[in-house]
Protein backbone atom coordinates (compact mmCIF):
# COMPACT_ATOMS: atom_id res chain seq x y z
CA UNK A 1 0.00 0.00 0.00
CA UNK A 2 1.16 3.52 -0.71
CA UNK A 3 0.49 6.62 1.37
CA UNK A 4 0.32 9.80 -0.71
CA UNK A 5 1.29 12.99 1.11
CA UNK A 6 -0.93 16.03 0.55
CA UNK A 7 0.90 18.90 2.21
CA UNK A 8 4.32 19.67 3.69
CA UNK A 9 4.86 17.34 6.64
CA UNK A 10 7.62 17.64 9.22
CA UNK A 11 7.82 16.33 12.78
CA UNK A 12 4.13 15.58 13.18
CA UNK A 13 2.42 13.16 15.54
CA UNK A 14 0.42 10.12 14.45
CA UNK A 15 -2.71 11.95 15.61
CA UNK A 16 -1.99 14.75 13.11
CA UNK A 17 -1.13 12.47 10.17
CA UNK A 18 -4.61 12.46 8.61
CA UNK A 19 -4.30 16.22 8.05
CA UNK A 20 -1.18 15.56 5.93
CA UNK A 21 -2.24 12.42 4.02
CA UNK A 22 -3.84 13.11 0.64
CA UNK A 23 -4.84 9.48 0.08
CA UNK A 24 -3.84 5.88 -0.47
CA UNK A 25 -2.94 3.82 -3.54
CA UNK A 26 -1.61 0.43 -4.58
CA UNK A 27 2.16 -0.06 -4.79
CA UNK A 28 4.11 -3.12 -5.89
CA UNK A 29 7.13 -2.63 -3.61
CA UNK A 30 9.62 -4.57 -5.76
CA UNK A 31 13.07 -5.41 -4.36
CA UNK A 32 16.01 -7.10 -6.11
CA UNK A 33 17.23 -9.51 -3.40
CA UNK A 34 20.60 -10.21 -5.04
CA UNK A 35 21.43 -6.50 -5.11
CA UNK A 36 20.05 -5.97 -1.62
CA UNK A 37 22.55 -8.32 0.01
CA UNK A 38 25.46 -8.20 -2.45
CA UNK A 39 27.82 -6.51 0.01
CA UNK A 40 28.44 -8.13 3.38
CA UNK A 41 27.69 -5.76 6.22
CA UNK A 42 25.76 -3.21 4.13
CA UNK A 43 22.23 -3.56 2.83
CA UNK A 44 21.66 -1.71 -0.48
CA UNK A 45 18.00 -0.70 -0.06
CA UNK A 46 18.04 2.23 -2.51
CA UNK A 47 19.77 0.31 -5.31
CA UNK A 48 17.65 -2.81 -4.76
CA UNK A 49 14.42 -0.85 -5.21
CA UNK A 50 15.47 1.42 -8.08
CA UNK A 51 15.66 -0.66 -11.25
CA UNK A 52 13.52 0.18 -14.30
CA UNK A 53 9.91 -1.01 -13.88
CA UNK A 54 10.30 -1.37 -10.08
CA UNK A 55 7.75 0.29 -7.80
CA UNK A 56 4.67 0.63 -10.02
CA UNK A 57 1.91 2.72 -8.43
CA UNK A 58 -1.82 3.10 -9.11
CA UNK A 59 -4.39 2.87 -10.56
CA UNK A 60 -5.92 5.67 -8.45
CA UNK A 61 -5.39 7.64 -5.27
CA UNK A 62 -8.34 7.05 -2.94
CA UNK A 63 -8.85 10.13 -0.77
CA UNK A 64 -11.85 9.05 1.30
CA UNK A 65 -11.01 5.76 2.98
CA UNK A 66 -10.02 4.44 6.41
CA UNK A 67 -6.64 2.78 5.81
CA UNK A 68 -6.60 0.73 9.01
CA UNK A 69 -9.63 -1.25 7.78
CA UNK A 70 -8.11 -2.24 4.43
CA UNK A 71 -6.74 -5.60 3.32
CA UNK A 72 -3.77 -5.91 0.96
CA UNK A 73 -3.49 -8.86 -1.41
CA UNK A 74 -0.66 -9.88 -3.72
CA UNK A 75 -1.53 -12.29 -6.52
CA UNK A 76 1.13 -13.83 -8.76
CA UNK A 77 -0.09 -15.49 -11.98
CA UNK A 78 -3.55 -15.90 -10.44
CA UNK A 79 -2.29 -17.46 -7.17
CA UNK A 80 -2.79 -15.46 -4.00
CA UNK A 81 0.57 -15.10 -2.22
CA UNK A 82 -0.36 -12.50 0.39
CA UNK A 83 -3.56 -11.45 2.10
CA UNK A 84 -3.16 -9.34 5.20
CA UNK A 85 -5.12 -6.62 6.97
CA UNK A 86 -3.46 -3.24 7.40
CA UNK A 87 -4.45 -3.52 11.06
CA UNK A 88 -1.83 -6.32 11.38
CA UNK A 89 1.02 -4.14 10.15
CA UNK A 90 3.76 -3.54 12.75
CA UNK A 91 3.47 0.21 12.10
CA UNK A 92 0.10 1.60 10.97
CA UNK A 93 0.01 4.18 8.14
CA UNK A 94 -0.36 7.18 10.46
CA UNK A 95 2.60 5.97 12.55
CA UNK A 96 4.71 5.51 9.43
CA UNK A 97 4.04 9.09 8.31
CA UNK A 98 4.83 10.42 11.78
CA UNK A 99 8.04 8.42 12.15
CA UNK A 100 9.42 9.38 8.72
CA UNK A 101 8.48 13.01 9.28
CA UNK A 102 10.65 13.17 12.39
CA UNK A 103 13.77 13.15 10.19
CA UNK A 104 12.62 13.96 6.65
CA UNK A 105 10.30 16.68 5.43
CA UNK A 106 7.64 15.05 3.27
CA UNK A 107 6.18 17.10 0.43
CA UNK A 108 2.91 16.95 -1.53
CA UNK A 109 3.00 14.05 -3.98
CA UNK A 110 5.54 12.02 -2.01
CA UNK A 111 4.54 8.37 -1.83
CA UNK A 112 5.50 6.14 1.08
CA UNK A 113 5.50 2.42 0.27
CA UNK A 114 4.39 0.61 3.42
CA UNK A 115 6.34 -2.54 2.58
CA UNK A 116 5.07 -6.07 2.64
CA UNK A 117 4.01 -8.92 4.87
CA UNK A 118 4.76 -12.62 4.99
CA UNK A 119 4.42 -14.46 1.72
CA UNK A 120 6.67 -12.18 -0.33
CA UNK A 121 8.47 -14.21 -2.96
CA UNK A 122 11.04 -13.86 -5.71
CA UNK A 123 9.41 -12.97 -9.03
CA UNK A 124 10.38 -14.87 -12.12
CA UNK A 125 10.55 -13.33 -15.62
CA UNK A 126 7.17 -13.45 -17.32
CA UNK A 127 5.12 -13.45 -14.12
CA UNK A 128 2.23 -11.07 -13.62
CA UNK A 129 1.86 -9.54 -10.18
CA UNK A 130 -1.36 -7.94 -8.99
CA UNK A 131 -1.71 -5.81 -5.90
CA UNK A 132 -5.36 -5.66 -4.82
CA UNK A 133 -6.74 -3.39 -2.14
CA UNK A 134 -10.54 -3.41 -1.97
CA UNK A 135 -11.76 0.17 -1.91
CA UNK A 136 -8.71 1.37 -3.83
CA UNK A 137 -8.27 -0.91 -6.82
CA UNK A 138 -6.09 -3.40 -8.60
CA UNK A 139 -2.55 -2.75 -9.88
CA UNK A 140 -1.24 -5.29 -12.37
CA UNK A 141 2.25 -5.45 -13.81
CA UNK A 142 4.35 -8.02 -15.62
CA UNK A 143 7.90 -8.72 -14.53
CA UNK A 144 10.13 -9.17 -17.57
CA UNK A 145 13.40 -9.68 -15.70
Foldseek 3Di string as FASTA:
>chain_A
DKWFFAAKFAQDALVCQLVGTQFDWDKDQFFQVCQQCVDPPHGDGVVRQDDPPGIDIDDDGDRDDDQQAKWKWKAKQNRTQDIGGLVPQPAHPSRVSNVVNHPDIDHGGDMDDSDDDPRDDDDDAQMKMWIQIPVGGIDIDGHHD
